[in-house]
Amino acid sequence: MNRTLDQTAALFGIKSRAFRKALRELRILTSTGDLASHHRSSGHLFSDPRSVQLGPNRLKHYAVVLVTEKGVQWLAKTLGIEITDKEVAA
């Protein structure tokens, strides 16, 4: 199951803002919150492109960064966080 960054932060028991700040410091996220290019093909994280219609002829495109199951374990190891509930992490 793929998780958003907010869901992953909740799993780790830290606030979303602190989690994103840590990912920026590790250069996993860019300053705008997008996934850094050198992490796109790692299999741990990926960007899911989405769009929303703002008006009859206007679309806004954006990307949501998602974490794979393998990525949850990798991020926990990278950040030094121990996941106590293995059921939730799987």
N, C-alpha and C. Protein backbone atom coordinates (compact mmCIF):
# COMPACT_ATOMS: atom_id res chain seq x y z
N MET A 1 0.84 -1.18 0.00
CA MET A 1 0.00 0.00 0.00
C MET A 1 0.89 1.25 0.00
N ASN A 2 0.65 2.13 -0.91
CA ASN A 2 1.40 3.38 -0.99
C ASN A 2 0.77 4.41 -0.07
N ARG A 3 1.60 5.21 0.55
CA ARG A 3 1.13 6.21 1.51
C ARG A 3 1.59 7.60 1.09
N THR A 4 0.79 8.59 1.44
CA THR A 4 1.21 9.97 1.24
C THR A 4 2.24 10.31 2.32
N LEU A 5 2.88 11.45 2.16
CA LEU A 5 3.85 11.87 3.18
C LEU A 5 3.19 12.12 4.53
N ASP A 6 1.96 12.64 4.51
CA ASP A 6 1.24 12.88 5.77
C ASP A 6 0.91 11.56 6.47
N GLN A 7 0.49 10.56 5.72
CA GLN A 7 0.20 9.25 6.30
C GLN A 7 1.47 8.59 6.84
N THR A 8 2.58 8.75 6.15
CA THR A 8 3.85 8.19 6.60
C THR A 8 4.31 8.88 7.87
N ALA A 9 4.15 10.19 7.94
CA ALA A 9 4.52 10.93 9.16
C ALA A 9 3.68 10.46 10.35
N ALA A 10 2.39 10.24 10.13
CA ALA A 10 1.52 9.75 11.20
C ALA A 10 1.97 8.36 11.65
N LEU A 11 2.37 7.53 10.72
CA LEU A 11 2.87 6.20 11.05
C LEU A 11 4.12 6.28 11.92
N PHE A 12 4.99 7.24 11.61
CA PHE A 12 6.22 7.42 12.38
C PHE A 12 5.98 8.14 13.70
N GLY A 13 4.81 8.72 13.86
CA GLY A 13 4.49 9.43 15.10
C GLY A 13 5.11 10.81 15.19
N ILE A 14 5.35 11.45 14.05
CA ILE A 14 5.86 12.81 14.06
C ILE A 14 4.93 13.69 13.24
N LYS A 15 5.04 14.98 13.46
CA LYS A 15 4.17 15.91 12.75
C LYS A 15 4.61 16.02 11.29
N SER A 16 3.64 16.27 10.44
CA SER A 16 3.87 16.32 9.00
C SER A 16 4.90 17.37 8.63
N ARG A 17 4.81 18.53 9.26
CA ARG A 17 5.72 19.62 8.94
C ARG A 17 7.17 19.28 9.30
N ALA A 18 7.36 18.66 10.45
CA ALA A 18 8.70 18.25 10.88
C ALA A 18 9.25 17.15 9.97
N PHE A 19 8.36 16.25 9.53
CA PHE A 19 8.75 15.17 8.64
C PHE A 19 9.21 15.72 7.30
N ARG A 20 8.46 16.66 6.74
CA ARG A 20 8.84 17.26 5.47
C ARG A 20 10.13 18.07 5.59
N LYS A 21 10.33 18.74 6.72
CA LYS A 21 11.56 19.48 6.95
C LYS A 21 12.76 18.53 6.98
N ALA A 22 12.59 17.39 7.64
CA ALA A 22 13.68 16.40 7.69
C ALA A 22 13.98 15.86 6.29
N LEU A 23 12.95 15.64 5.49
CA LEU A 23 13.16 15.16 4.12
C LEU A 23 13.84 16.21 3.26
N ARG A 24 13.55 17.48 3.50
CA ARG A 24 14.23 18.55 2.77
C ARG A 24 15.71 18.62 3.17
N GLU A 25 15.99 18.46 4.46
CA GLU A 25 17.38 18.51 4.93
C GLU A 25 18.19 17.35 4.36
N LEU A 26 17.54 16.20 4.15
CA LEU A 26 18.22 15.05 3.55
C LEU A 26 18.23 15.11 2.03
N ARG A 27 17.67 16.18 1.48
CA ARG A 27 17.59 16.40 0.03
C ARG A 27 16.77 15.34 -0.69
N ILE A 28 15.78 14.80 0.01
CA ILE A 28 14.83 13.87 -0.60
C ILE A 28 13.72 14.68 -1.27
N LEU A 29 13.34 15.79 -0.65
CA LEU A 29 12.38 16.72 -1.24
C LEU A 29 13.09 18.00 -1.62
N THR A 30 12.58 18.67 -2.64
CA THR A 30 13.12 19.97 -3.03
C THR A 30 12.51 21.04 -2.13
N SER A 31 12.93 22.26 -2.30
CA SER A 31 12.41 23.35 -1.48
C SER A 31 10.92 23.61 -1.75
N THR A 32 10.44 23.20 -2.92
CA THR A 32 9.02 23.38 -3.25
C THR A 32 8.16 22.20 -2.81
N GLY A 33 8.80 21.15 -2.25
CA GLY A 33 8.05 19.99 -1.77
C GLY A 33 7.93 18.87 -2.78
N ASP A 34 8.55 19.02 -3.93
CA ASP A 34 8.54 17.96 -4.94
C ASP A 34 9.62 16.93 -4.62
N LEU A 35 9.48 15.77 -5.22
CA LEU A 35 10.47 14.71 -5.03
C LEU A 35 11.73 15.06 -5.82
N ALA A 36 12.89 14.96 -5.16
CA ALA A 36 14.16 15.26 -5.83
C ALA A 36 14.40 14.24 -6.94
N SER A 37 15.01 14.70 -8.02
CA SER A 37 15.15 13.86 -9.21
C SER A 37 15.98 12.61 -8.96
N HIS A 38 16.97 12.66 -8.08
CA HIS A 38 17.80 11.48 -7.85
C HIS A 38 17.11 10.41 -7.01
N HIS A 39 15.91 10.68 -6.52
CA HIS A 39 15.15 9.68 -5.77
C HIS A 39 13.98 9.10 -6.56
N ARG A 40 13.78 9.56 -7.79
CA ARG A 40 12.63 9.12 -8.58
C ARG A 40 12.69 7.65 -8.97
N SER A 41 13.85 7.14 -9.27
CA SER A 41 13.95 5.75 -9.74
C SER A 41 14.42 4.78 -8.66
N SER A 42 14.42 5.21 -7.41
CA SER A 42 14.93 4.36 -6.33
C SER A 42 13.94 3.27 -5.91
N GLY A 43 12.65 3.49 -6.17
CA GLY A 43 11.65 2.51 -5.76
C GLY A 43 11.11 2.75 -4.37
N HIS A 44 11.62 3.78 -3.68
CA HIS A 44 11.15 4.09 -2.33
C HIS A 44 10.03 5.12 -2.35
N LEU A 45 10.16 6.10 -3.22
CA LEU A 45 9.18 7.18 -3.33
C LEU A 45 8.88 7.42 -4.80
N PHE A 46 7.71 7.96 -5.07
CA PHE A 46 7.39 8.35 -6.44
C PHE A 46 6.37 9.47 -6.43
N SER A 47 6.28 10.19 -7.53
CA SER A 47 5.33 11.29 -7.68
C SER A 47 4.14 10.82 -8.50
N ASP A 48 2.96 11.11 -8.01
CA ASP A 48 1.73 10.77 -8.71
C ASP A 48 1.13 12.06 -9.28
N PRO A 49 1.18 12.26 -10.60
CA PRO A 49 0.64 13.49 -11.18
C PRO A 49 -0.89 13.51 -11.10
N ARG A 50 -1.40 14.66 -10.71
CA ARG A 50 -2.86 14.83 -10.60
C ARG A 50 -3.23 16.20 -11.16
N SER A 51 -4.52 16.41 -11.35
CA SER A 51 -4.99 17.71 -11.82
C SER A 51 -6.38 17.97 -11.26
N VAL A 52 -6.71 19.24 -11.16
CA VAL A 52 -8.02 19.67 -10.69
C VAL A 52 -8.52 20.74 -11.65
N GLN A 53 -9.82 20.71 -11.92
CA GLN A 53 -10.40 21.68 -12.84
C GLN A 53 -10.86 22.90 -12.05
N LEU A 54 -10.30 24.05 -12.39
CA LEU A 54 -10.61 25.30 -11.69
C LEU A 54 -11.74 26.07 -12.35
N GLY A 55 -11.95 25.85 -13.59
CA GLY A 55 -12.99 26.55 -14.33
C GLY A 55 -13.30 25.77 -15.59
N PRO A 56 -14.11 26.35 -16.47
CA PRO A 56 -14.48 25.61 -17.66
C PRO A 56 -13.30 25.22 -18.55
N ASN A 57 -12.29 26.07 -18.63
CA ASN A 57 -11.14 25.78 -19.50
C ASN A 57 -9.82 25.89 -18.75
N ARG A 58 -9.86 25.73 -17.43
CA ARG A 58 -8.64 25.90 -16.64
C ARG A 58 -8.38 24.66 -15.80
N LEU A 59 -7.19 24.12 -15.95
CA LEU A 59 -6.75 22.98 -15.14
C LEU A 59 -5.50 23.37 -14.36
N LYS A 60 -5.40 22.85 -13.16
CA LYS A 60 -4.19 23.02 -12.37
C LYS A 60 -3.58 21.64 -12.19
N HIS A 61 -2.32 21.50 -12.56
CA HIS A 61 -1.63 20.23 -12.44
C HIS A 61 -0.69 20.28 -11.24
N TYR A 62 -0.62 19.19 -10.51
CA TYR A 62 0.28 19.10 -9.37
C TYR A 62 0.66 17.64 -9.17
N ALA A 63 1.64 17.40 -8.33
CA ALA A 63 2.10 16.04 -8.07
C ALA A 63 2.04 15.76 -6.58
N VAL A 64 1.64 14.55 -6.23
CA VAL A 64 1.61 14.11 -4.84
C VAL A 64 2.73 13.09 -4.67
N VAL A 65 3.57 13.31 -3.66
CA VAL A 65 4.67 12.39 -3.38
C VAL A 65 4.12 11.24 -2.53
N LEU A 66 4.33 10.00 -3.02
CA LEU A 66 3.86 8.81 -2.32
C LEU A 66 5.06 7.95 -1.92
N VAL A 67 4.90 7.23 -0.82
CA VAL A 67 5.94 6.36 -0.29
C VAL A 67 5.48 4.92 -0.45
N THR A 68 6.35 4.07 -1.01
CA THR A 68 6.03 2.65 -1.16
C THR A 68 6.28 1.92 0.16
N GLU A 69 5.89 0.65 0.23
CA GLU A 69 6.14 -0.14 1.44
C GLU A 69 7.63 -0.26 1.71
N LYS A 70 8.39 -0.48 0.65
CA LYS A 70 9.84 -0.55 0.79
C LYS A 70 10.39 0.81 1.24
N GLY A 71 9.76 1.87 0.79
CA GLY A 71 10.17 3.21 1.15
C GLY A 71 9.92 3.55 2.61
N VAL A 72 8.85 2.99 3.18
CA VAL A 72 8.56 3.22 4.61
C VAL A 72 9.70 2.68 5.45
N GLN A 73 10.12 1.45 5.15
CA GLN A 73 11.23 0.85 5.89
C GLN A 73 12.52 1.63 5.67
N TRP A 74 12.77 2.06 4.44
CA TRP A 74 13.98 2.81 4.12
C TRP A 74 14.00 4.16 4.83
N LEU A 75 12.87 4.87 4.83
CA LEU A 75 12.80 6.17 5.51
C LEU A 75 12.98 6.02 7.02
N ALA A 76 12.39 4.98 7.59
CA ALA A 76 12.54 4.75 9.03
C ALA A 76 14.01 4.53 9.37
N LYS A 77 14.69 3.76 8.55
CA LYS A 77 16.12 3.50 8.78
C LYS A 77 16.93 4.78 8.57
N THR A 78 16.62 5.54 7.53
CA THR A 78 17.34 6.76 7.22
C THR A 78 17.16 7.82 8.32
N LEU A 79 15.95 7.93 8.85
CA LEU A 79 15.66 8.92 9.87
C LEU A 79 15.93 8.42 11.29
N GLY A 80 16.27 7.14 11.43
CA GLY A 80 16.55 6.58 12.75
C GLY A 80 15.31 6.37 13.59
N ILE A 81 14.19 6.06 12.93
CA ILE A 81 12.91 5.84 13.61
C ILE A 81 12.62 4.36 13.63
N GLU A 82 12.19 3.87 14.78
CA GLU A 82 11.83 2.45 14.89
C GLU A 82 10.31 2.33 14.82
N ILE A 83 9.85 1.50 13.92
CA ILE A 83 8.40 1.25 13.78
C ILE A 83 8.06 0.10 14.71
N THR A 84 7.23 0.39 15.70
CA THR A 84 6.91 -0.64 16.69
C THR A 84 5.79 -1.55 16.24
N ASP A 85 4.82 -1.01 15.52
CA ASP A 85 3.68 -1.82 15.07
C ASP A 85 3.91 -2.29 13.65
N LYS A 86 4.40 -3.50 13.48
CA LYS A 86 4.71 -4.04 12.14
C LYS A 86 3.45 -4.25 11.32
N GLU A 87 2.31 -4.47 11.95
CA GLU A 87 1.05 -4.67 11.24
C GLU A 87 0.66 -3.40 10.48
N VAL A 88 0.82 -2.27 11.14
CA VAL A 88 0.45 -1.00 10.52
C VAL A 88 1.42 -0.66 9.40
N ALA A 89 2.68 -1.00 9.58
CA ALA A 89 3.70 -0.66 8.59
C ALA A 89 3.57 -1.50 7.33
N ALA A 90 2.99 -2.67 7.44
CA ALA A 90 2.88 -3.55 6.26
C ALA A 90 1.70 -3.21 5.39
